[in-house]
Amino acid sequence: MDEISATRVMDGLTDAARAAARRLAVSPPAQRDDALRAAAAAIRAASQAILAANRLDVAAATVSDAFLDRLTLTPARVEAMAKGLEDVAALPEPLGKILSEWTRPNGLLLRRVAVSIGVIGMIYESRPNVGADAAGLCIKSGNAVILRGGSDSLHSARAIHRAIVTGLEAAGLPAACVQVVPDSDRAHVSAMLGAAGRIDLIIPRGGKSLVERVQREARVPVLAHAEGLCHTYIHAGADPEMARRVLADAKMRRTGICGATETLLIDAAIAPSFLPVLVEDLKGLGCRFVADERARDIVASLDAATQADFATEWLDSKLSIAVVDGVEAALAHIAHYGSHHTEAIITEDETAATAFLNGTDSAVVMWNASTQFCDGGEFGFGAEIGIATGKLHARGPVGLEQLTTFRYEVRGTGQVRG
C-alpha cells in the first residue's frame, strides 16, 4: 500500500476513534464496566474460534521457541484475557478523580482532575493477548484505541477484536472505541506515527527495532516500552535457598517475556561456592550460559561472554553471568548495560538492599523477588498496556492511572482580575 492510501485508511480510523473517544470519556463508569464484563463473556464464548485463529498464526510462524511461546494462545491464556477484563472492570474509576485542590486568597477554588487522554495508538508484536489488555485498559480509562498487531498474530488479533466489539455493543458503546488496523501492511505503521493531532499517544510494545523506529519517526508523543534487559544480583548476604528459587523463576518461568532476568550478577565473596550450584540448577531447566572471565575461572565449562552479550536481551533460555565486587560494582554493571526496566537484589542485608534500591535508575527495582513480577496484573493494575522504561509521563507497568492526564478546574463566585 502506498503512503497516500495508508494515510486515508488511518484518517478514517482516527475520525471514528475521536468521535468514539468523546462519547467514551463522558460515559457512566457502570457502562464502561458493563462493556468489559460483556467482552469477557464474549471472549469465553468465542474461545474455540480464538484458538482456531491462533493456530493459523502459529502454523505460519517461522520463529524461535521463545517467540512462539509469546505468540501461542492456550485455553488458560484465553481465560486469563477474559479474567483480566473482569479485573479491570472491578478496579476503582480512574476518571474524575480529584488529584489535588486548593483555595486562593481571592476565594477561587482550583482542582486538578483526572481525565482521559483521547485516542491511543498501540503498535505491538507477537503477543495476541496484548490487544485484549490494551482494549480493556483503554475502555475503562475513557480512551479509544487503534491496535496494530504484528503480521504474525493477525488472525488472533481479529478474533479477539470481534469479542471486544461484542462487549462494547452490548453495553451501548461505539464499536469504534476499539479498532484494529485492517491488515499487516507496514505502511499503516508510518501512517499512525504521522497522525499528529489525530492520535494523542503512541505506545509501542515489541522488540528493540520496533521501539527505536517509533521513537525515531513518530510525530505523536510516545510512551516507549523498550527492551527488558533485566538483572538479578545475588549479594553475599543472600539466603542460598531463596536465591536458588528466585533466580530459577526469574530466568526460566517464561524466558520470552520482558521481565525475564537476562543477566546474573553474583557477589565475588560467594561466587566460588555458590555459582556452580546456580549453574547446575539452571542447566537442569534447560538454560545455556555465557560468562565473564571471573565466572569461567569458577565454572570452566561456561562459554565466554562478549561485551555485546551483556547488552543483549536474550528472550530465550540463555543467561549472561558476571562476578562483581559488591553492590557498587553491581550498580555500575547495570548502569552500563541495562535498559532501565527491572533489576533485583537477593539479600538479607537491609543496608545492602537499600543501597541497591536507591542506586538503581530503572523503572522497577526489587528486593528478594523475581523480576518476572514486573507485570501490571501482579501490581494490581488488572492488566498492563506495556512497561514504560522512560521517565515521562509514566514508568513501569502502565495501567489505568498512567492512561489518564489531568485538567484544571477553577471554580469562582464572580471574581474578576482587575
Protein backbone atom coordinates (compact mmCIF):
# COMPACT_ATOMS: atom_id res chain seq x y z
CA MET A 1 0.00 0.00 0.00
CA ASP A 2 1.33 3.47 -0.84
CA GLU A 3 1.67 6.26 1.70
CA ILE A 4 -1.35 8.22 0.48
CA SER A 5 -3.64 5.20 0.67
CA ALA A 6 -2.40 4.27 4.14
CA THR A 7 -2.98 7.85 5.33
CA ARG A 8 -6.55 7.74 4.04
CA VAL A 9 -7.18 4.49 5.90
CA MET A 10 -5.73 5.98 9.08
CA ASP A 11 -7.75 9.16 8.69
CA GLY A 12 -10.91 7.05 8.60
CA LEU A 13 -9.86 5.09 11.69
CA THR A 14 -8.87 8.18 13.65
CA ASP A 15 -12.03 10.12 12.71
CA ALA A 16 -14.13 7.26 14.08
CA ALA A 17 -11.86 6.89 17.12
CA ARG A 18 -12.07 10.56 18.06
CA ALA A 19 -15.85 10.55 17.86
CA ALA A 20 -15.96 7.37 19.94
CA ALA A 21 -13.48 8.76 22.47
CA ARG A 22 -15.68 11.79 23.10
CA ARG A 23 -18.60 9.52 23.97
CA LEU A 24 -16.47 7.13 25.99
CA ALA A 25 -14.89 9.88 28.09
CA VAL A 26 -18.28 11.09 29.38
CA SER A 27 -19.95 7.68 29.62
CA PRO A 28 -21.06 6.47 33.07
CA PRO A 29 -18.45 4.28 34.80
CA ALA A 30 -21.01 1.46 35.08
CA GLN A 31 -21.48 1.44 31.30
CA ARG A 32 -17.76 1.03 30.66
CA ASP A 33 -17.57 -1.70 33.30
CA ASP A 34 -20.54 -3.48 31.72
CA ALA A 35 -18.74 -3.37 28.36
CA LEU A 36 -15.68 -5.02 29.87
CA ARG A 37 -17.69 -7.76 31.54
CA ALA A 38 -19.63 -8.38 28.33
CA ALA A 39 -16.36 -8.52 26.38
CA ALA A 40 -15.01 -11.07 28.87
CA ALA A 41 -18.11 -13.21 28.36
CA ALA A 42 -17.75 -12.87 24.58
CA ILE A 43 -14.10 -14.00 24.74
CA ARG A 44 -15.12 -17.08 26.69
CA ALA A 45 -17.93 -17.81 24.25
CA ALA A 46 -15.56 -17.40 21.31
CA SER A 47 -12.71 -19.33 22.93
CA GLN A 48 -12.64 -22.09 20.32
CA ALA A 49 -12.76 -19.59 17.44
CA ILE A 50 -9.93 -17.57 19.02
CA LEU A 51 -7.82 -20.69 19.48
CA ALA A 52 -8.50 -21.79 15.90
CA ALA A 53 -7.42 -18.38 14.60
CA ASN A 54 -4.31 -18.56 16.73
CA ARG A 55 -3.43 -21.98 15.31
CA LEU A 56 -3.36 -20.40 11.85
CA ASP A 57 -0.86 -17.80 13.12
CA VAL A 58 1.29 -20.38 14.87
CA ALA A 59 1.32 -22.68 11.83
CA ALA A 60 2.61 -19.86 9.64
CA ALA A 61 5.28 -18.69 12.10
CA THR A 62 8.96 -19.37 11.49
CA VAL A 63 10.39 -18.04 14.73
CA SER A 64 12.33 -19.02 17.83
CA ASP A 65 10.80 -21.15 20.56
CA ALA A 66 10.60 -18.14 22.88
CA PHE A 67 8.82 -16.06 20.23
CA LEU A 68 6.48 -18.96 19.53
CA ASP A 69 5.63 -19.11 23.23
CA ARG A 70 4.62 -15.43 23.16
CA LEU A 71 2.51 -16.00 20.05
CA THR A 72 0.72 -19.14 21.21
CA LEU A 73 -2.65 -18.98 22.94
CA THR A 74 -3.91 -21.80 25.14
CA PRO A 75 -7.29 -22.24 26.84
CA ALA A 76 -5.68 -20.96 30.05
CA ARG A 77 -4.34 -17.85 28.30
CA VAL A 78 -7.71 -17.13 26.69
CA GLU A 79 -9.33 -17.44 30.10
CA ALA A 80 -6.65 -15.11 31.51
CA MET A 81 -7.62 -12.49 28.91
CA ALA A 82 -11.26 -12.71 29.96
CA LYS A 83 -10.37 -12.63 33.65
CA GLY A 84 -8.12 -9.63 33.02
CA LEU A 85 -11.02 -7.66 31.56
CA GLU A 86 -13.15 -8.51 34.60
CA ASP A 87 -10.32 -7.50 36.91
CA VAL A 88 -10.02 -4.13 35.16
CA ALA A 89 -13.79 -3.63 35.43
CA ALA A 90 -13.55 -4.19 39.20
CA LEU A 91 -10.88 -1.51 39.68
CA PRO A 92 -11.75 1.95 41.02
CA GLU A 93 -12.96 4.51 38.48
CA PRO A 94 -9.91 6.48 37.21
CA LEU A 95 -11.74 9.44 35.65
CA GLY A 96 -12.98 12.48 37.55
CA LYS A 97 -10.66 11.77 40.47
CA ILE A 98 -9.61 14.98 42.27
CA LEU A 99 -5.84 14.72 42.33
CA SER A 100 -5.39 17.88 44.39
CA GLU A 101 -7.30 21.02 45.30
CA TRP A 102 -6.58 24.33 46.94
CA THR A 103 -8.18 27.72 47.51
CA ARG A 104 -6.52 31.00 46.58
CA PRO A 105 -6.67 34.12 48.79
CA ASN A 106 -9.25 35.59 46.39
CA GLY A 107 -11.60 32.67 47.03
CA LEU A 108 -11.01 30.77 43.77
CA LEU A 109 -11.16 27.01 44.23
CA LEU A 110 -8.71 25.14 41.98
CA ARG A 111 -8.81 21.42 41.31
CA ARG A 112 -6.57 19.12 39.29
CA VAL A 113 -8.85 16.39 37.94
CA ALA A 114 -8.01 13.13 36.13
CA VAL A 115 -9.34 12.92 32.56
CA SER A 116 -8.82 10.58 29.61
CA ILE A 117 -6.03 11.18 27.09
CA GLY A 118 -8.18 10.67 23.97
CA VAL A 119 -7.03 8.33 21.20
CA ILE A 120 -4.26 5.80 21.86
CA GLY A 121 -2.32 4.12 19.08
CA MET A 122 -0.96 0.73 20.15
CA ILE A 123 1.70 -0.96 18.00
CA TYR A 124 2.69 -4.38 19.27
CA GLU A 125 4.32 -7.61 18.18
CA SER A 126 3.62 -11.30 18.63
CA ARG A 127 1.56 -11.49 21.87
CA PRO A 128 -2.14 -11.56 20.89
CA ASN A 129 -3.32 -11.05 24.48
CA VAL A 130 -1.76 -7.57 24.42
CA GLY A 131 -4.69 -6.43 22.28
CA ALA A 132 -7.23 -7.53 24.89
CA ASP A 133 -5.27 -5.94 27.74
CA ALA A 134 -4.89 -2.67 25.85
CA ALA A 135 -8.56 -2.60 24.90
CA GLY A 136 -9.69 -3.23 28.46
CA LEU A 137 -7.49 -0.56 30.00
CA CYS A 138 -8.39 1.99 27.34
CA ILE A 139 -12.14 1.40 27.67
CA LYS A 140 -12.00 1.74 31.46
CA SER A 141 -9.89 4.92 31.26
CA GLY A 142 -12.15 6.51 28.63
CA ASN A 143 -9.72 6.29 25.72
CA ALA A 144 -10.38 4.98 22.23
CA VAL A 145 -7.60 2.74 20.94
CA ILE A 146 -6.35 1.76 17.48
CA LEU A 147 -4.48 -1.55 17.59
CA ARG A 148 -1.82 -2.56 15.10
CA GLY A 149 -0.51 -6.02 15.91
CA GLY A 150 2.21 -7.83 14.02
CA SER A 151 1.57 -9.81 10.85
CA ASP A 152 2.38 -12.96 12.82
CA SER A 153 -0.70 -12.55 15.05
CA LEU A 154 -3.23 -11.02 12.65
CA HIS A 155 -5.78 -13.86 12.73
CA SER A 156 -5.68 -13.96 16.53
CA ALA A 157 -6.00 -10.18 16.81
CA ARG A 158 -9.08 -10.12 14.59
CA ALA A 159 -10.80 -12.90 16.54
CA ILE A 160 -10.12 -11.18 19.88
CA HIS A 161 -11.26 -7.84 18.46
CA ARG A 162 -14.61 -9.31 17.41
CA ALA A 163 -15.24 -10.36 21.00
CA ILE A 164 -14.29 -6.92 22.34
CA VAL A 165 -16.68 -5.24 19.89
CA THR A 166 -19.44 -7.59 21.00
CA GLY A 167 -18.92 -6.33 24.55
CA LEU A 168 -18.93 -2.68 23.53
CA GLU A 169 -22.11 -3.01 21.52
CA ALA A 170 -23.84 -4.98 24.28
CA ALA A 171 -23.20 -2.06 26.63
CA GLY A 172 -24.35 0.55 24.12
CA LEU A 173 -20.89 1.98 23.40
CA PRO A 174 -19.48 2.64 19.91
CA ALA A 175 -17.63 -0.23 18.27
CA ALA A 176 -15.01 2.33 17.17
CA CYS A 177 -13.82 2.64 20.77
CA VAL A 178 -11.53 -0.29 19.83
CA GLN A 179 -10.35 -0.70 16.26
CA VAL A 180 -7.82 -2.96 14.56
CA VAL A 181 -5.80 -1.81 11.56
CA PRO A 182 -7.29 -3.80 8.66
CA ASP A 183 -4.16 -5.61 7.51
CA SER A 184 -0.46 -6.08 8.27
CA ASP A 185 0.87 -3.63 5.67
CA ARG A 186 3.79 -1.73 7.21
CA ALA A 187 2.55 1.49 5.64
CA HIS A 188 -0.09 1.64 8.36
CA VAL A 189 2.65 2.00 10.98
CA SER A 190 4.05 5.05 9.20
CA ALA A 191 0.54 6.48 8.94
CA MET A 192 0.00 6.01 12.68
CA LEU A 193 3.32 7.61 13.54
CA GLY A 194 2.47 10.62 11.38
CA ALA A 195 -1.06 11.10 12.72
CA ALA A 196 -0.29 14.19 14.80
CA GLY A 197 -3.48 15.82 16.04
CA ARG A 198 -5.43 12.63 15.39
CA ILE A 199 -3.70 10.16 17.71
CA ASP A 200 -2.80 11.57 21.13
CA LEU A 201 -0.31 8.94 22.29
CA ILE A 202 1.55 6.06 20.64
CA ILE A 203 2.55 3.05 22.72
CA PRO A 204 4.96 0.62 21.03
CA ARG A 205 5.38 -2.80 22.59
CA GLY A 206 7.80 -5.15 20.96
CA GLY A 207 11.42 -5.64 20.00
CA LYS A 208 14.18 -3.07 20.12
CA SER A 209 13.99 -2.31 16.40
CA LEU A 210 10.27 -1.53 16.58
CA VAL A 211 10.65 0.79 19.56
CA GLU A 212 13.63 2.56 18.00
CA ARG A 213 11.71 3.10 14.77
CA VAL A 214 8.72 4.53 16.60
CA GLN A 215 10.89 6.87 18.66
CA ARG A 216 12.77 7.96 15.54
CA GLU A 217 9.81 8.57 13.23
CA ALA A 218 6.85 9.49 15.43
CA ARG A 219 5.26 12.93 15.22
CA VAL A 220 2.93 11.81 18.00
CA PRO A 221 4.00 11.63 21.69
CA VAL A 222 5.42 8.18 22.51
CA LEU A 223 5.25 6.14 25.70
CA ALA A 224 8.06 3.72 24.99
CA HIS A 225 8.27 0.14 26.14
CA ALA A 226 11.92 -0.60 25.45
CA GLU A 227 13.72 -3.91 25.77
CA GLY A 228 13.81 -5.69 29.10
CA LEU A 229 17.45 -6.31 29.88
CA CYS A 230 16.78 -7.25 33.50
CA HIS A 231 19.39 -8.17 36.11
CA THR A 232 19.30 -10.26 39.26
CA TYR A 233 22.14 -9.54 41.70
CA ILE A 234 22.82 -12.20 44.33
CA HIS A 235 24.54 -10.39 47.17
CA ALA A 236 26.90 -12.01 49.67
CA GLY A 237 24.14 -11.75 52.28
CA ALA A 238 21.60 -13.75 50.27
CA ASP A 239 19.75 -16.70 51.72
CA PRO A 240 21.00 -19.54 49.46
CA GLU A 241 17.72 -21.42 49.10
CA MET A 242 15.79 -18.23 48.42
CA ALA A 243 18.38 -17.17 45.84
CA ARG A 244 18.14 -20.50 44.01
CA ARG A 245 14.35 -20.42 43.95
CA VAL A 246 14.05 -16.78 42.90
CA LEU A 247 16.71 -16.96 40.18
CA ALA A 248 15.17 -20.09 38.64
CA ASP A 249 11.82 -18.32 38.40
CA ALA A 250 13.29 -15.00 37.24
CA LYS A 251 15.11 -16.65 34.35
CA MET A 252 13.16 -19.74 33.38
CA ARG A 253 9.46 -19.30 34.29
CA ARG A 254 8.85 -17.70 30.89
CA THR A 255 12.00 -16.79 29.02
CA GLY A 256 10.30 -14.80 26.26
CA ILE A 257 8.80 -12.00 28.37
CA CYS A 258 10.42 -8.65 29.03
CA GLY A 259 10.56 -9.21 32.80
CA ALA A 260 12.75 -12.29 32.50
CA THR A 261 16.22 -11.93 34.01
CA GLU A 262 18.85 -11.83 31.28
CA THR A 263 21.97 -11.32 33.43
CA LEU A 264 23.01 -12.86 36.74
CA LEU A 265 25.37 -10.76 38.83
CA ILE A 266 26.88 -12.71 41.71
CA ASP A 267 28.98 -11.34 44.54
CA ALA A 268 32.63 -12.39 44.43
CA ALA A 269 32.50 -13.29 48.13
CA ILE A 270 30.12 -16.21 47.49
CA ALA A 271 30.72 -16.99 43.82
CA PRO A 272 33.34 -19.78 44.27
CA SER A 273 30.99 -21.93 46.31
CA PHE A 274 27.57 -20.81 45.09
CA LEU A 275 27.89 -20.16 41.35
CA PRO A 276 28.35 -23.88 40.48
CA VAL A 277 25.15 -24.65 42.36
CA LEU A 278 23.20 -21.99 40.48
CA VAL A 279 24.58 -23.14 37.13
CA GLU A 280 23.57 -26.73 37.82
CA ASP A 281 20.09 -25.64 38.88
CA LEU A 282 19.50 -23.69 35.69
CA LYS A 283 21.21 -26.22 33.45
CA GLY A 284 18.72 -28.78 34.72
CA LEU A 285 15.95 -26.47 33.49
CA GLY A 286 17.48 -26.22 30.01
CA CYS A 287 19.39 -22.96 30.39
CA ARG A 288 22.56 -22.08 28.44
CA PHE A 289 25.20 -19.62 29.57
CA VAL A 290 27.80 -17.05 28.62
CA ALA A 291 30.04 -15.68 31.34
CA ASP A 292 32.87 -13.30 32.11
CA GLU A 293 36.38 -14.48 32.88
CA ARG A 294 35.92 -14.48 36.66
CA ALA A 295 32.86 -16.72 36.38
CA ARG A 296 34.66 -19.07 33.96
CA ASP A 297 37.54 -19.38 36.41
CA ILE A 298 34.97 -20.91 38.79
CA VAL A 299 32.93 -22.94 36.27
CA ALA A 300 35.27 -23.77 33.40
CA SER A 301 32.54 -25.20 31.18
CA LEU A 302 30.83 -21.83 30.71
CA ASP A 303 31.15 -20.15 27.32
CA ALA A 304 32.94 -16.81 27.17
CA ALA A 305 30.74 -13.71 27.09
CA THR A 306 31.46 -10.71 24.88
CA GLN A 307 30.62 -7.10 25.68
CA ALA A 308 27.72 -7.43 23.25
CA ASP A 309 26.35 -10.42 25.15
CA PHE A 310 25.90 -8.35 28.30
CA ALA A 311 23.94 -5.82 26.24
CA THR A 312 21.64 -8.48 24.74
CA GLU A 313 18.05 -9.20 25.71
CA TRP A 314 18.05 -12.94 25.07
CA LEU A 315 14.30 -13.65 25.33
CA ASP A 316 15.43 -17.25 25.40
CA SER A 317 16.84 -19.94 27.70
CA LYS A 318 20.18 -18.18 27.85
CA LEU A 319 21.79 -16.27 30.70
CA SER A 320 24.75 -13.91 30.93
CA ILE A 321 26.81 -14.21 34.13
CA ALA A 322 29.25 -11.77 35.73
CA VAL A 323 31.06 -11.83 39.06
CA VAL A 324 31.07 -8.44 40.82
CA ASP A 325 32.70 -6.96 43.92
CA GLY A 326 29.78 -5.76 45.96
CA VAL A 327 26.75 -3.52 45.48
CA GLU A 328 28.54 -0.61 43.81
CA ALA A 329 30.08 -2.88 41.17
CA ALA A 330 26.67 -4.46 40.52
CA LEU A 331 25.13 -1.00 40.11
CA ALA A 332 27.93 0.06 37.75
CA HIS A 333 27.36 -3.02 35.56
CA ILE A 334 23.62 -2.35 35.43
CA ALA A 335 24.17 1.33 34.61
CA HIS A 336 26.46 0.38 31.72
CA TYR A 337 24.47 -2.45 30.17
CA GLY A 338 20.90 -2.16 31.44
CA SER A 339 17.74 -0.92 29.72
CA HIS A 340 16.13 0.78 32.76
CA HIS A 341 13.47 -1.93 33.01
CA THR A 342 13.67 -4.15 36.14
CA GLU A 343 16.51 -5.07 38.49
CA ALA A 344 16.50 -7.27 41.61
CA ILE A 345 18.79 -7.84 44.59
CA ILE A 346 18.65 -11.01 46.66
CA THR A 347 19.99 -10.41 50.16
CA GLU A 348 19.13 -10.50 53.87
CA ASP A 349 21.29 -7.40 54.39
CA GLU A 350 18.94 -4.41 54.60
CA THR A 351 21.77 -1.88 54.24
CA ALA A 352 22.93 -3.50 51.01
CA ALA A 353 19.36 -3.75 49.74
CA THR A 354 18.68 -0.09 50.47
CA ALA A 355 21.86 0.96 48.66
CA PHE A 356 20.82 -1.12 45.65
CA LEU A 357 17.23 0.15 45.61
CA ASN A 358 18.34 3.78 45.86
CA GLY A 359 21.18 3.40 43.40
CA THR A 360 19.28 1.77 40.51
CA ASP A 361 18.00 4.09 37.80
CA SER A 362 15.38 1.68 36.48
CA ALA A 363 11.60 1.81 36.30
CA VAL A 364 11.22 -1.11 38.72
CA VAL A 365 13.63 -2.36 41.37
CA MET A 366 13.01 -5.40 43.59
CA TRP A 367 14.34 -6.89 46.80
CA ASN A 368 14.08 -10.65 47.29
CA ALA A 369 11.59 -11.19 44.47
CA SER A 370 11.63 -12.49 40.91
CA THR A 371 11.93 -9.90 38.15
CA GLN A 372 9.01 -11.65 36.48
CA PHE A 373 6.72 -9.88 38.96
CA CYS A 374 7.14 -6.78 36.80
CA ASP A 375 3.66 -7.12 35.37
CA GLY A 376 0.55 -4.96 35.54
CA GLY A 377 -1.60 -7.83 36.78
CA GLU A 378 0.88 -8.66 39.55
CA PHE A 379 0.99 -4.97 40.53
CA GLY A 380 -2.78 -4.98 40.98
CA PHE A 381 -3.47 -2.98 37.82
CA GLY A 382 -5.73 -5.69 36.37
CA ALA A 383 -3.62 -5.70 33.19
CA GLU A 384 -0.99 -3.58 31.50
CA ILE A 385 -0.69 -1.89 28.17
CA GLY A 386 3.10 -2.03 28.38
CA ILE A 387 6.04 -1.33 30.65
CA ALA A 388 7.46 2.15 30.23
CA THR A 389 11.21 2.44 30.64
CA GLY A 390 11.48 6.19 30.15
CA LYS A 391 10.84 8.84 32.79
CA LEU A 392 7.89 10.78 31.31
CA HIS A 393 5.00 10.58 31.82
CA ALA A 394 4.86 7.04 33.25
CA ARG A 395 7.32 4.39 34.40
CA GLY A 396 6.98 0.66 34.88
CA PRO A 397 3.74 -1.22 34.18
CA VAL A 398 1.24 1.10 32.51
CA GLY A 399 -2.27 0.70 33.88
CA LEU A 400 -5.33 2.88 34.29
CA GLU A 401 -3.71 5.74 36.17
CA GLN A 402 -0.98 6.07 33.56
CA LEU A 403 -3.59 6.24 30.78
CA THR A 404 -5.07 9.42 32.17
CA THR A 405 -3.92 13.01 32.12
CA PHE A 406 -5.49 15.92 34.00
CA ARG A 407 -7.15 19.25 33.60
CA TYR A 408 -7.53 22.17 35.99
CA GLU A 409 -10.98 23.21 37.12
CA VAL A 410 -11.31 26.72 38.52
CA ARG A 411 -14.48 27.49 40.47
CA GLY A 412 -15.31 31.02 41.42
CA THR A 413 -18.04 33.20 42.86
CA GLY A 414 -17.77 36.09 40.41
CA GLN A 415 -14.11 37.02 40.88
CA VAL A 416 -12.51 39.32 38.29
CA ARG A 417 -8.87 40.14 37.75
CA GLY A 418 -8.69 43.90 37.87
